[in-house]
């Protein structure tokens, strides 16, 4: 039975072209002499985001955490938004791996205010204070919103004023660039390092990229090794990443259009609240509390109809469009939701 899976854009199946590329990939030992397919992917990724070099990692969490570990030293303070993915969904890795203190700031509209960042940076060499080792931004954000470029530029200017590096969690970077109608390099030029996922909207089965200066990536590869991320014939999976970068970026607009359709139609169902202004990439968040049905009932009934969704988190159900969800699927989902919620 084919399921319509709206749980995430991590659930996509690799394309036939990806599978063929994986089968035919030229490989080597990436920790020793190097894997030629991984090297090609890393060169492509660095060029795509306007950085000198990049490295291939198995996941977005490993990418973010290897960047934090490389930028900071034990006991440093890292400034970031209070609802950043690094804080909420990376199981405390920054504390466990890097021994850093996360200094979270409340945000207005989901992004850091440069004045708040400047006020928070530790400016004094005080025996009582940790040092500010890093500022982390996120774009697109895991709540589906996109940070305006000028807001990133303002924070980056403050960071440079105090010689603090900036890392971008760009898991859905290409979705953000599509929404802003800019090349991704217009976003990443306001960062010292950036992580982006191949395994979300770009549909590769495994992997993320971390990019930055050559010197930074050289050190980051040692951080990756420390975390168990030194891979061997990893060209087998990197080959799918090459297809993702070359072929899948150009179809992201379809996911955005389907998300907008889903949001518009879902908002018409009585007692379901959808903030349409929040639908900026391929994610839709809905407050289902008014329909009088609990999460387990809705999730279970949807499953019976061949649709996979997640229960609410922080009061909202999240629906994510992706390569394997068509316009027809979205309309079927809406019909099912009407039947379940209005019965």
C-alpha atoms as a PDB file:
ATOM      1  CA  UNK A   1       0.000   0.000   0.000  1.00  0.00           C
ATOM      2  CA  UNK A   2       1.324   3.437  -0.904  1.00  0.00           C
ATOM      3  CA  UNK A   3       1.183   5.945   1.938  1.00  0.00           C
ATOM      4  CA  UNK A   4       1.059   9.708   1.596  1.00  0.00           C
ATOM      5  CA  UNK A   5       3.691  10.784   4.105  1.00  0.00           C
ATOM      6  CA  UNK A   6       3.397  14.329   5.437  1.00  0.00           C
ATOM      7  CA  UNK A   7       5.501  13.803   8.563  1.00  0.00           C
ATOM      8  CA  UNK A   8       8.617  15.435   7.139  1.00  0.00           C
ATOM      9  CA  UNK A   9      10.657  15.971   3.989  1.00  0.00           C
ATOM     10  CA  UNK A  10      13.171  13.467   5.381  1.00  0.00           C
ATOM     11  CA  UNK A  11      10.886  10.610   4.334  1.00  0.00           C
ATOM     12  CA  UNK A  12      11.433  10.917   0.577  1.00  0.00           C
ATOM     13  CA  UNK A  13      12.686   7.915  -1.344  1.00  0.00           C
ATOM     14  CA  UNK A  14      15.790   8.304  -3.537  1.00  0.00           C
ATOM     15  CA  UNK A  15      15.108   8.789  -7.224  1.00  0.00           C
ATOM     16  CA  UNK A  16      16.022   6.141  -9.787  1.00  0.00           C
ATOM     17  CA  UNK A  17      18.862   8.408 -10.914  1.00  0.00           C
ATOM     18  CA  UNK A  18      20.189   8.528  -7.358  1.00  0.00           C
ATOM     19  CA  UNK A  19      20.041   4.763  -7.030  1.00  0.00           C
ATOM     20  CA  UNK A  20      21.908   4.325 -10.313  1.00  0.00           C
ATOM     21  CA  UNK A  21      24.526   6.884  -9.305  1.00  0.00           C
ATOM     22  CA  UNK A  22      25.035   5.088  -5.988  1.00  0.00           C
ATOM     23  CA  UNK A  23      25.428   1.765  -7.803  1.00  0.00           C
ATOM     24  CA  UNK A  24      28.029   3.169 -10.190  1.00  0.00           C
ATOM     25  CA  UNK A  25      29.899   5.456  -7.752  1.00  0.00           C
ATOM     26  CA  UNK A  26      33.673   5.521  -7.898  1.00  0.00           C
ATOM     27  CA  UNK A  27      34.870   5.126  -4.316  1.00  0.00           C
ATOM     28  CA  UNK A  28      37.953   5.208  -2.114  1.00  0.00           C
ATOM     29  CA  UNK A  29      38.706   5.497   1.598  1.00  0.00           C
ATOM     30  CA  UNK A  30      37.548   8.973   2.620  1.00  0.00           C
ATOM     31  CA  UNK A  31      39.610   8.959   5.826  1.00  0.00           C
ATOM     32  CA  UNK A  32      42.829   7.865   4.121  1.00  0.00           C
ATOM     33  CA  UNK A  33      43.574   8.808   0.520  1.00  0.00           C
ATOM     34  CA  UNK A  34      40.129  10.203  -0.092  1.00  0.00           C
ATOM     35  CA  UNK A  35      36.988   9.144  -1.912  1.00  0.00           C
ATOM     36  CA  UNK A  36      36.723  10.736  -5.379  1.00  0.00           C
ATOM     37  CA  UNK A  37      32.932  10.972  -5.327  1.00  0.00           C
ATOM     38  CA  UNK A  38      32.935  12.590  -1.887  1.00  0.00           C
ATOM     39  CA  UNK A  39      35.620  15.028  -3.039  1.00  0.00           C
ATOM     40  CA  UNK A  40      33.473  15.982  -6.028  1.00  0.00           C
ATOM     41  CA  UNK A  41      30.413  16.499  -3.812  1.00  0.00           C
ATOM     42  CA  UNK A  42      32.395  18.617  -1.362  1.00  0.00           C
ATOM     43  CA  UNK A  43      33.722  20.823  -4.159  1.00  0.00           C
ATOM     44  CA  UNK A  44      30.229  21.261  -5.589  1.00  0.00           C
ATOM     45  CA  UNK A  45      28.706  22.073  -2.200  1.00  0.00           C
ATOM     46  CA  UNK A  46      31.374  24.646  -1.356  1.00  0.00           C
ATOM     47  CA  UNK A  47      30.862  26.385  -4.692  1.00  0.00           C
ATOM     48  CA  UNK A  48      27.083  26.353  -4.281  1.00  0.00           C
ATOM     49  CA  UNK A  49      27.213  28.236  -0.972  1.00  0.00           C
ATOM     50  CA  UNK A  50      30.182  30.466  -1.795  1.00  0.00           C
ATOM     51  CA  UNK A  51      32.682  28.982   0.643  1.00  0.00           C
ATOM     52  CA  UNK A  52      36.247  27.753   0.148  1.00  0.00           C
ATOM     53  CA  UNK A  53      35.658  24.159   1.214  1.00  0.00           C
ATOM     54  CA  UNK A  54      33.097  21.753   2.629  1.00  0.00           C
ATOM     55  CA  UNK A  55      32.815  18.333   4.228  1.00  0.00           C
ATOM     56  CA  UNK A  56      30.254  15.559   3.971  1.00  0.00           C
ATOM     57  CA  UNK A  57      28.582  14.406   7.211  1.00  0.00           C
ATOM     58  CA  UNK A  58      25.890  11.848   7.896  1.00  0.00           C
ATOM     59  CA  UNK A  59      23.301  14.200   9.396  1.00  0.00           C
ATOM     60  CA  UNK A  60      22.361  17.787  10.076  1.00  0.00           C
ATOM     61  CA  UNK A  61      22.923  17.317  13.797  1.00  0.00           C
ATOM     62  CA  UNK A  62      26.451  16.026  13.193  1.00  0.00           C
ATOM     63  CA  UNK A  63      27.043  18.980  10.886  1.00  0.00           C
ATOM     64  CA  UNK A  64      25.891  21.563  13.409  1.00  0.00           C
ATOM     65  CA  UNK A  65      27.674  19.931  16.315  1.00  0.00           C
ATOM     66  CA  UNK A  66      30.955  19.483  14.464  1.00  0.00           C
ATOM     67  CA  UNK A  67      30.799  23.178  13.553  1.00  0.00           C
ATOM     68  CA  UNK A  68      30.150  24.196  17.168  1.00  0.00           C
ATOM     69  CA  UNK A  69      32.968  21.956  18.387  1.00  0.00           C
ATOM     70  CA  UNK A  70      35.359  23.439  15.820  1.00  0.00           C
ATOM     71  CA  UNK A  71      34.474  27.080  16.469  1.00  0.00           C
ATOM     72  CA  UNK A  72      34.485  26.963  20.270  1.00  0.00           C
ATOM     73  CA  UNK A  73      36.412  25.749  23.276  1.00  0.00           C
ATOM     74  CA  UNK A  74      35.021  24.082  26.386  1.00  0.00           C
ATOM     75  CA  UNK A  75      33.257  26.609  28.611  1.00  0.00           C
ATOM     76  CA  UNK A  76      32.448  29.105  25.857  1.00  0.00           C
ATOM     77  CA  UNK A  77      29.015  30.619  25.484  1.00  0.00           C
ATOM     78  CA  UNK A  78      27.015  30.245  22.267  1.00  0.00           C
ATOM     79  CA  UNK A  79      24.302  32.799  21.479  1.00  0.00           C
ATOM     80  CA  UNK A  80      21.223  31.595  19.591  1.00  0.00           C
ATOM     81  CA  UNK A  81      17.431  31.815  19.504  1.00  0.00           C
ATOM     82  CA  UNK A  82      15.492  30.101  22.273  1.00  0.00           C
ATOM     83  CA  UNK A  83      13.579  27.974  19.755  1.00  0.00           C
ATOM     84  CA  UNK A  84      16.520  27.133  17.495  1.00  0.00           C
ATOM     85  CA  UNK A  85      16.753  23.528  16.317  1.00  0.00           C
ATOM     86  CA  UNK A  86      20.173  23.224  17.972  1.00  0.00           C
ATOM     87  CA  UNK A  87      18.472  23.948  21.315  1.00  0.00           C
ATOM     88  CA  UNK A  88      15.205  22.076  20.928  1.00  0.00           C
ATOM     89  CA  UNK A  89      15.951  19.008  18.817  1.00  0.00           C
ATOM     90  CA  UNK A  90      19.630  18.049  19.085  1.00  0.00           C
ATOM     91  CA  UNK A  91      19.434  16.251  22.463  1.00  0.00           C
ATOM     92  CA  UNK A  92      21.794  18.590  24.300  1.00  0.00           C
ATOM     93  CA  UNK A  93      24.679  17.662  22.017  1.00  0.00           C
ATOM     94  CA  UNK A  94      26.410  21.015  22.351  1.00  0.00           C
ATOM     95  CA  UNK A  95      26.736  20.517  26.109  1.00  0.00           C
ATOM     96  CA  UNK A  96      27.761  16.865  25.865  1.00  0.00           C
ATOM     97  CA  UNK A  97      30.208  17.143  22.966  1.00  0.00           C
ATOM     98  CA  UNK A  98      31.561  20.696  23.087  1.00  0.00           C
ATOM     99  CA  UNK A  99      31.026  21.564  26.747  1.00  0.00           C
ATOM    100  CA  UNK A 100      29.556  24.932  25.827  1.00  0.00           C
ATOM    101  CA  UNK A 101      26.818  26.975  27.424  1.00  0.00           C
ATOM    102  CA  UNK A 102      23.895  27.868  25.181  1.00  0.00           C
ATOM    103  CA  UNK A 103      22.752  31.447  25.825  1.00  0.00           C
ATOM    104  CA  UNK A 104      19.269  31.589  24.367  1.00  0.00           C
ATOM    105  CA  UNK A 105      17.502  34.817  23.459  1.00  0.00           C
ATOM    106  CA  UNK A 106      13.785  35.362  23.047  1.00  0.00           C
ATOM    107  CA  UNK A 107      12.929  36.259  19.500  1.00  0.00           C
ATOM    108  CA  UNK A 108      10.394  38.433  17.761  1.00  0.00           C
ATOM    109  CA  UNK A 109       9.085  36.767  14.602  1.00  0.00           C
ATOM    110  CA  UNK A 110      11.600  33.969  15.038  1.00  0.00           C
ATOM    111  CA  UNK A 111      14.898  35.709  14.414  1.00  0.00           C
ATOM    112  CA  UNK A 112      17.579  37.273  16.565  1.00  0.00           C
ATOM    113  CA  UNK A 113      17.662  41.029  16.957  1.00  0.00           C
ATOM    114  CA  UNK A 114      21.141  42.471  16.431  1.00  0.00           C
ATOM    115  CA  UNK A 115      20.773  44.841  19.394  1.00  0.00           C
ATOM    116  CA  UNK A 116      19.939  41.922  21.688  1.00  0.00           C
ATOM    117  CA  UNK A 117      22.895  39.972  20.357  1.00  0.00           C
ATOM    118  CA  UNK A 118      25.259  42.892  20.958  1.00  0.00           C
ATOM    119  CA  UNK A 119      23.934  43.340  24.493  1.00  0.00           C
ATOM    120  CA  UNK A 120      24.502  39.627  25.192  1.00  0.00           C
ATOM    121  CA  UNK A 121      28.047  39.284  23.850  1.00  0.00           C
ATOM    122  CA  UNK A 122      30.555  39.049  26.709  1.00  0.00           C
ATOM    123  CA  UNK A 123      32.710  42.119  26.156  1.00  0.00           C
ATOM    124  CA  UNK A 124      34.727  42.168  29.378  1.00  0.00           C
ATOM    125  CA  UNK A 125      37.635  39.956  30.340  1.00  0.00           C
ATOM    126  CA  UNK A 126      35.978  39.204  33.650  1.00  0.00           C
ATOM    127  CA  UNK A 127      36.965  36.265  35.839  1.00  0.00           C
ATOM    128  CA  UNK A 128      33.272  35.471  36.350  1.00  0.00           C
ATOM    129  CA  UNK A 129      32.246  35.415  32.678  1.00  0.00           C
ATOM    130  CA  UNK A 130      32.493  32.784  29.971  1.00  0.00           C
ATOM    131  CA  UNK A 131      33.685  33.999  26.584  1.00  0.00           C
ATOM    132  CA  UNK A 132      31.273  34.376  23.692  1.00  0.00           C
ATOM    133  CA  UNK A 133      32.577  31.738  21.304  1.00  0.00           C
ATOM    134  CA  UNK A 134      29.896  31.604  18.604  1.00  0.00           C
ATOM    135  CA  UNK A 135      26.590  32.963  17.341  1.00  0.00           C
ATOM    136  CA  UNK A 136      24.247  30.466  15.660  1.00  0.00           C
ATOM    137  CA  UNK A 137      21.565  31.492  13.170  1.00  0.00           C
ATOM    138  CA  UNK A 138      18.969  29.349  11.423  1.00  0.00           C
ATOM    139  CA  UNK A 139      17.472  29.841   7.944  1.00  0.00           C
ATOM    140  CA  UNK A 140      14.995  28.492   7.012  1.00  0.00           C
ATOM    141  CA  UNK A 141      13.856  27.945  10.568  1.00  0.00           C
ATOM    142  CA  UNK A 142      12.386  24.668  11.758  1.00  0.00           C
ATOM    143  CA  UNK A 143       9.057  26.405  12.326  1.00  0.00           C
ATOM    144  CA  UNK A 144       8.818  27.000   8.581  1.00  0.00           C
ATOM    145  CA  UNK A 145       9.652  30.703   8.656  1.00  0.00           C
ATOM    146  CA  UNK A 146      12.411  32.422   6.705  1.00  0.00           C
ATOM    147  CA  UNK A 147      14.722  35.068   8.159  1.00  0.00           C
ATOM    148  CA  UNK A 148      15.100  38.239   6.060  1.00  0.00           C
ATOM    149  CA  UNK A 149      18.622  38.717   4.754  1.00  0.00           C
ATOM    150  CA  UNK A 150      18.965  42.175   6.279  1.00  0.00           C
ATOM    151  CA  UNK A 151      18.372  40.677   9.735  1.00  0.00           C
ATOM    152  CA  UNK A 152      21.183  38.195   9.171  1.00  0.00           C
ATOM    153  CA  UNK A 153      23.428  40.983   7.876  1.00  0.00           C
ATOM    154  CA  UNK A 154      22.787  43.056  11.003  1.00  0.00           C
ATOM    155  CA  UNK A 155      23.746  40.187  13.311  1.00  0.00           C
ATOM    156  CA  UNK A 156      26.802  39.367  11.194  1.00  0.00           C
ATOM    157  CA  UNK A 157      28.004  42.976  11.414  1.00  0.00           C
ATOM    158  CA  UNK A 158      27.787  42.856  15.213  1.00  0.00           C
ATOM    159  CA  UNK A 159      29.594  39.518  15.257  1.00  0.00           C
ATOM    160  CA  UNK A 160      32.447  40.916  13.183  1.00  0.00           C
ATOM    161  CA  UNK A 161      32.635  43.980  15.447  1.00  0.00           C
ATOM    162  CA  UNK A 162      33.448  41.688  18.370  1.00  0.00           C
ATOM    163  CA  UNK A 163      35.347  39.045  16.371  1.00  0.00           C
ATOM    164  CA  UNK A 164      32.779  36.298  17.078  1.00  0.00           C
ATOM    165  CA  UNK A 165      32.174  33.681  14.361  1.00  0.00           C
ATOM    166  CA  UNK A 166      28.687  32.984  12.984  1.00  0.00           C
ATOM    167  CA  UNK A 167      27.396  29.515  12.101  1.00  0.00           C
ATOM    168  CA  UNK A 168      24.218  28.986  10.096  1.00  0.00           C
ATOM    169  CA  UNK A 169      21.981  25.979  10.584  1.00  0.00           C
ATOM    170  CA  UNK A 170      20.754  25.953   7.008  1.00  0.00           C
ATOM    171  CA  UNK A 171      19.072  22.552   7.009  1.00  0.00           C
ATOM    172  CA  UNK A 172      16.548  23.893   4.480  1.00  0.00           C
ATOM    173  CA  UNK A 173      18.801  26.600   3.073  1.00  0.00           C
ATOM    174  CA  UNK A 174      17.645  26.160  -0.518  1.00  0.00           C
ATOM    175  CA  UNK A 175      14.005  26.446   0.546  1.00  0.00           C
ATOM    176  CA  UNK A 176      14.862  29.736   2.239  1.00  0.00           C
ATOM    177  CA  UNK A 177      16.644  31.020  -0.863  1.00  0.00           C
ATOM    178  CA  UNK A 178      13.641  30.087  -2.998  1.00  0.00           C
ATOM    179  CA  UNK A 179      11.267  31.993  -0.721  1.00  0.00           C
ATOM    180  CA  UNK A 180      13.557  35.036  -0.694  1.00  0.00           C
ATOM    181  CA  UNK A 181      14.116  34.712  -4.462  1.00  0.00           C
ATOM    182  CA  UNK A 182      17.895  34.951  -4.112  1.00  0.00           C
ATOM    183  CA  UNK A 183      20.918  32.779  -4.744  1.00  0.00           C
ATOM    184  CA  UNK A 184      21.894  30.882  -1.594  1.00  0.00           C
ATOM    185  CA  UNK A 185      25.212  32.752  -1.545  1.00  0.00           C
ATOM    186  CA  UNK A 186      23.302  35.926  -0.739  1.00  0.00           C
ATOM    187  CA  UNK A 187      22.360  34.234   2.534  1.00  0.00           C
ATOM    188  CA  UNK A 188      25.602  32.424   3.328  1.00  0.00           C
ATOM    189  CA  UNK A 189      27.829  35.463   2.823  1.00  0.00           C
ATOM    190  CA  UNK A 190      26.671  36.540   6.284  1.00  0.00           C
ATOM    191  CA  UNK A 191      28.084  33.408   7.902  1.00  0.00           C
ATOM    192  CA  UNK A 192      31.500  31.939   8.664  1.00  0.00           C
ATOM    193  CA  UNK A 193      30.216  28.386   8.396  1.00  0.00           C
ATOM    194  CA  UNK A 194      27.014  26.799   7.198  1.00  0.00           C
ATOM    195  CA  UNK A 195      25.364  23.394   7.413  1.00  0.00           C
ATOM    196  CA  UNK A 196      22.737  22.316   4.913  1.00  0.00           C
ATOM    197  CA  UNK A 197      20.921  19.013   4.470  1.00  0.00           C
ATOM    198  CA  UNK A 198      20.874  16.869   1.360  1.00  0.00           C
ATOM    199  CA  UNK A 199      18.351  14.509   2.955  1.00  0.00           C
ATOM    200  CA  UNK A 200      15.430  16.903   3.433  1.00  0.00           C
ATOM    201  CA  UNK A 201      13.917  18.772   0.502  1.00  0.00           C
ATOM    202  CA  UNK A 202      16.761  17.706  -1.793  1.00  0.00           C
ATOM    203  CA  UNK A 203      15.707  14.072  -1.329  1.00  0.00           C
ATOM    204  CA  UNK A 204      19.047  12.312  -0.872  1.00  0.00           C
ATOM    205  CA  UNK A 205      18.770   9.263   1.400  1.00  0.00           C
ATOM    206  CA  UNK A 206      21.644  10.289   3.696  1.00  0.00           C
ATOM    207  CA  UNK A 207      23.805  13.264   4.405  1.00  0.00           C
ATOM    208  CA  UNK A 208      24.451  16.933   5.054  1.00  0.00           C
ATOM    209  CA  UNK A 209      27.236  19.364   4.195  1.00  0.00           C
ATOM    210  CA  UNK A 210      29.269  21.753   6.331  1.00  0.00           C
ATOM    211  CA  UNK A 211      31.041  24.568   4.504  1.00  0.00           C
ATOM    212  CA  UNK A 212      33.461  27.311   5.483  1.00  0.00           C
ATOM    213  CA  UNK A 213      37.053  28.369   4.982  1.00  0.00           C
ATOM    214  CA  UNK A 214      39.677  25.782   4.052  1.00  0.00           C
ATOM    215  CA  UNK A 215      41.298  26.160   7.444  1.00  0.00           C
ATOM    216  CA  UNK A 216      37.976  25.719   9.238  1.00  0.00           C
ATOM    217  CA  UNK A 217      37.023  22.600   7.263  1.00  0.00           C
ATOM    218  CA  UNK A 218      40.450  21.076   7.856  1.00  0.00           C
ATOM    219  CA  UNK A 219      39.846  21.387  11.606  1.00  0.00           C
ATOM    220  CA  UNK A 220      36.204  20.377  11.286  1.00  0.00           C
ATOM    221  CA  UNK A 221      37.165  17.081   9.661  1.00  0.00           C
ATOM    222  CA  UNK A 222      39.056  16.225  12.838  1.00  0.00           C
ATOM    223  CA  UNK A 223      35.929  17.154  14.823  1.00  0.00           C
ATOM    224  CA  UNK A 224      33.892  14.894  12.562  1.00  0.00           C
ATOM    225  CA  UNK A 225      36.336  12.044  13.187  1.00  0.00           C
ATOM    226  CA  UNK A 226      36.035  12.556  16.945  1.00  0.00           C
ATOM    227  CA  UNK A 227      32.261  12.120  16.638  1.00  0.00           C
ATOM    228  CA  UNK A 228      32.621   8.855  14.736  1.00  0.00           C
ATOM    229  CA  UNK A 229      31.861  10.485  11.421  1.00  0.00           C
ATOM    230  CA  UNK A 230      34.973   9.440   9.534  1.00  0.00           C
ATOM    231  CA  UNK A 231      33.540   7.309   6.742  1.00  0.00           C
ATOM    232  CA  UNK A 232      35.255   4.966   4.312  1.00  0.00           C
ATOM    233  CA  UNK A 233      33.764   4.263   0.848  1.00  0.00           C
ATOM    234  CA  UNK A 234      31.227   7.003   1.434  1.00  0.00           C
ATOM    235  CA  UNK A 235      31.057   7.868  -2.250  1.00  0.00           C
ATOM    236  CA  UNK A 236      28.249   5.311  -2.417  1.00  0.00           C
ATOM    237  CA  UNK A 237      26.010   7.746  -0.533  1.00  0.00           C
ATOM    238  CA  UNK A 238      27.708  10.935  -1.693  1.00  0.00           C
ATOM    239  CA  UNK A 239      26.708  10.040  -5.258  1.00  0.00           C
ATOM    240  CA  UNK A 240      23.061  10.585  -4.320  1.00  0.00           C
ATOM    241  CA  UNK A 241      24.065  13.920  -2.833  1.00  0.00           C
ATOM    242  CA  UNK A 242      25.516  15.014  -6.165  1.00  0.00           C
ATOM    243  CA  UNK A 243      22.218  14.240  -7.872  1.00  0.00           C
ATOM    244  CA  UNK A 244      20.419  16.106  -5.088  1.00  0.00           C
ATOM    245  CA  UNK A 245      22.498  19.241  -5.658  1.00  0.00           C
ATOM    246  CA  UNK A 246      22.317  19.153  -9.436  1.00  0.00           C
ATOM    247  CA  UNK A 247      18.759  17.963 -10.049  1.00  0.00           C
ATOM    248  CA  UNK A 248      16.548  18.469  -6.983  1.00  0.00           C
ATOM    249  CA  UNK A 249      17.071  22.138  -6.185  1.00  0.00           C
ATOM    250  CA  UNK A 250      15.093  23.125  -9.264  1.00  0.00           C
ATOM    251  CA  UNK A 251      11.893  21.378  -8.158  1.00  0.00           C
ATOM    252  CA  UNK A 252      11.539  22.814  -4.640  1.00  0.00           C
ATOM    253  CA  UNK A 253       8.964  25.313  -5.896  1.00  0.00           C
ATOM    254  CA  UNK A 254       6.544  22.391  -6.363  1.00  0.00           C
ATOM    255  CA  UNK A 255       6.756  21.577  -2.642  1.00  0.00           C
ATOM    256  CA  UNK A 256       6.158  25.229  -1.766  1.00  0.00           C
ATOM    257  CA  UNK A 257       3.138  25.423  -4.066  1.00  0.00           C
ATOM    258  CA  UNK A 258       1.670  22.241  -2.602  1.00  0.00           C
ATOM    259  CA  UNK A 259       2.216  23.541   0.924  1.00  0.00           C
ATOM    260  CA  UNK A 260       0.371  26.742   0.065  1.00  0.00           C
ATOM    261  CA  UNK A 261      -2.505  24.739  -1.427  1.00  0.00           C
ATOM    262  CA  UNK A 262      -2.646  22.525   1.649  1.00  0.00           C
ATOM    263  CA  UNK A 263      -2.647  25.550   3.960  1.00  0.00           C
ATOM    264  CA  UNK A 264      -5.315  27.434   2.032  1.00  0.00           C
ATOM    265  CA  UNK A 265      -7.674  24.468   1.913  1.00  0.00           C
ATOM    266  CA  UNK A 266      -7.007  23.360   5.482  1.00  0.00           C
ATOM    267  CA  UNK A 267      -7.791  26.860   6.762  1.00  0.00           C
ATOM    268  CA  UNK A 268     -11.285  26.574   5.242  1.00  0.00           C
ATOM    269  CA  UNK A 269     -12.213  23.627   7.473  1.00  0.00           C
ATOM    270  CA  UNK A 270     -14.203  24.851  10.485  1.00  0.00           C
ATOM    271  CA  UNK A 271     -12.298  25.056  13.807  1.00  0.00           C
ATOM    272  CA  UNK A 272      -8.874  24.463  12.239  1.00  0.00           C
ATOM    273  CA  UNK A 273      -6.592  27.469  12.584  1.00  0.00           C
ATOM    274  CA  UNK A 274      -3.747  27.984  10.119  1.00  0.00           C
ATOM    275  CA  UNK A 275      -1.492  31.047  10.178  1.00  0.00           C
ATOM    276  CA  UNK A 276      -1.166  31.542   6.429  1.00  0.00           C
ATOM    277  CA  UNK A 277       1.565  34.147   6.881  1.00  0.00           C
ATOM    278  CA  UNK A 278       3.712  31.420   8.405  1.00  0.00           C
ATOM    279  CA  UNK A 279       3.571  29.269   5.261  1.00  0.00           C
ATOM    280  CA  UNK A 280       6.816  30.321   3.647  1.00  0.00           C
ATOM    281  CA  UNK A 281       8.481  27.076   2.603  1.00  0.00           C
ATOM    282  CA  UNK A 282       7.138  23.510   2.486  1.00  0.00           C
ATOM    283  CA  UNK A 283       5.646  23.392   5.986  1.00  0.00           C
ATOM    284  CA  UNK A 284       2.142  24.007   7.278  1.00  0.00           C
ATOM    285  CA  UNK A 285       1.335  24.344  10.986  1.00  0.00           C
ATOM    286  CA  UNK A 286      -2.254  23.933  12.159  1.00  0.00           C
ATOM    287  CA  UNK A 287      -3.911  24.402  15.533  1.00  0.00           C
ATOM    288  CA  UNK A 288      -6.320  21.460  15.667  1.00  0.00           C
ATOM    289  CA  UNK A 289      -7.498  22.000  19.252  1.00  0.00           C
ATOM    290  CA  UNK A 290     -10.875  23.344  18.168  1.00  0.00           C
ATOM    291  CA  UNK A 291     -12.067  20.282  16.258  1.00  0.00           C
ATOM    292  CA  UNK A 292     -12.892  18.270  19.375  1.00  0.00           C
ATOM    293  CA  UNK A 293     -10.785  15.242  18.415  1.00  0.00           C
ATOM    294  CA  UNK A 294      -7.565  14.249  20.159  1.00  0.00           C
ATOM    295  CA  UNK A 295      -4.302  13.716  18.301  1.00  0.00           C
ATOM    296  CA  UNK A 296      -4.304   9.943  18.558  1.00  0.00           C
ATOM    297  CA  UNK A 297      -7.748   9.775  16.948  1.00  0.00           C
ATOM    298  CA  UNK A 298      -6.804  12.053  14.045  1.00  0.00           C
ATOM    299  CA  UNK A 299      -3.440  10.360  13.471  1.00  0.00           C
ATOM    300  CA  UNK A 300      -5.028   6.905  13.633  1.00  0.00           C
ATOM    301  CA  UNK A 301      -7.870   7.725  11.260  1.00  0.00           C
ATOM    302  CA  UNK A 302      -5.480   9.314   8.797  1.00  0.00           C
ATOM    303  CA  UNK A 303      -3.315   6.206   8.893  1.00  0.00           C
ATOM    304  CA  UNK A 304      -6.348   4.075   8.068  1.00  0.00           C
ATOM    305  CA  UNK A 305      -6.826   6.236   4.983  1.00  0.00           C
ATOM    306  CA  UNK A 306      -3.200   5.809   3.887  1.00  0.00           C
ATOM    307  CA  UNK A 307      -1.820   9.074   5.238  1.00  0.00           C
ATOM    308  CA  UNK A 308       0.999   9.402   7.759  1.00  0.00           C
ATOM    309  CA  UNK A 309       1.071  12.496   9.978  1.00  0.00           C
ATOM    310  CA  UNK A 310       2.631  13.363  13.330  1.00  0.00           C
ATOM    311  CA  UNK A 311       0.782  14.349  16.514  1.00  0.00           C
ATOM    312  CA  UNK A 312       0.884  17.928  17.747  1.00  0.00           C
ATOM    313  CA  UNK A 313       3.998  19.527  19.171  1.00  0.00           C
ATOM    314  CA  UNK A 314       3.692  22.773  21.150  1.00  0.00           C
ATOM    315  CA  UNK A 315       0.037  22.943  20.173  1.00  0.00           C
ATOM    316  CA  UNK A 316       0.420  22.559  16.408  1.00  0.00           C
ATOM    317  CA  UNK A 317       0.291  19.730  13.915  1.00  0.00           C
ATOM    318  CA  UNK A 318       2.939  20.050  11.231  1.00  0.00           C
ATOM    319  CA  UNK A 319       2.412  18.892   7.662  1.00  0.00           C
ATOM    320  CA  UNK A 320       5.412  18.857   5.329  1.00  0.00           C
ATOM    321  CA  UNK A 321       5.181  18.554   1.563  1.00  0.00           C
ATOM    322  CA  UNK A 322       7.961  16.839  -0.333  1.00  0.00           C
ATOM    323  CA  UNK A 323       8.938  15.178  -3.618  1.00  0.00           C
ATOM    324  CA  UNK A 324       6.693  12.182  -3.032  1.00  0.00           C
ATOM    325  CA  UNK A 325       3.550  14.247  -2.290  1.00  0.00           C
ATOM    326  CA  UNK A 326       1.568  15.410  -5.319  1.00  0.00           C
ATOM    327  CA  UNK A 327      -1.182  18.013  -5.714  1.00  0.00           C
ATOM    328  CA  UNK A 328      -3.650  15.134  -5.964  1.00  0.00           C
ATOM    329  CA  UNK A 329      -2.329  13.777  -2.662  1.00  0.00           C
ATOM    330  CA  UNK A 330      -2.845  17.154  -1.001  1.00  0.00           C
ATOM    331  CA  UNK A 331      -6.470  17.334  -2.153  1.00  0.00           C
ATOM    332  CA  UNK A 332      -7.092  13.772  -0.939  1.00  0.00           C
ATOM    333  CA  UNK A 333      -5.572  14.730   2.418  1.00  0.00           C
ATOM    334  CA  UNK A 334      -7.951  17.690   2.664  1.00  0.00           C
ATOM    335  CA  UNK A 335     -10.962  15.483   1.870  1.00  0.00           C
ATOM    336  CA  UNK A 336      -9.897  13.018   4.564  1.00  0.00           C
ATOM    337  CA  UNK A 337      -9.339  15.759   7.116  1.00  0.00           C
ATOM    338  CA  UNK A 338     -12.817  17.172   6.445  1.00  0.00           C
ATOM    339  CA  UNK A 339     -14.358  13.736   6.907  1.00  0.00           C
ATOM    340  CA  UNK A 340     -12.488  13.074  10.147  1.00  0.00           C
ATOM    341  CA  UNK A 341     -12.911  16.488  11.749  1.00  0.00           C
ATOM    342  CA  UNK A 342     -16.488  17.191  10.727  1.00  0.00           C
ATOM    343  CA  UNK A 343     -17.978  13.771  11.473  1.00  0.00           C
END
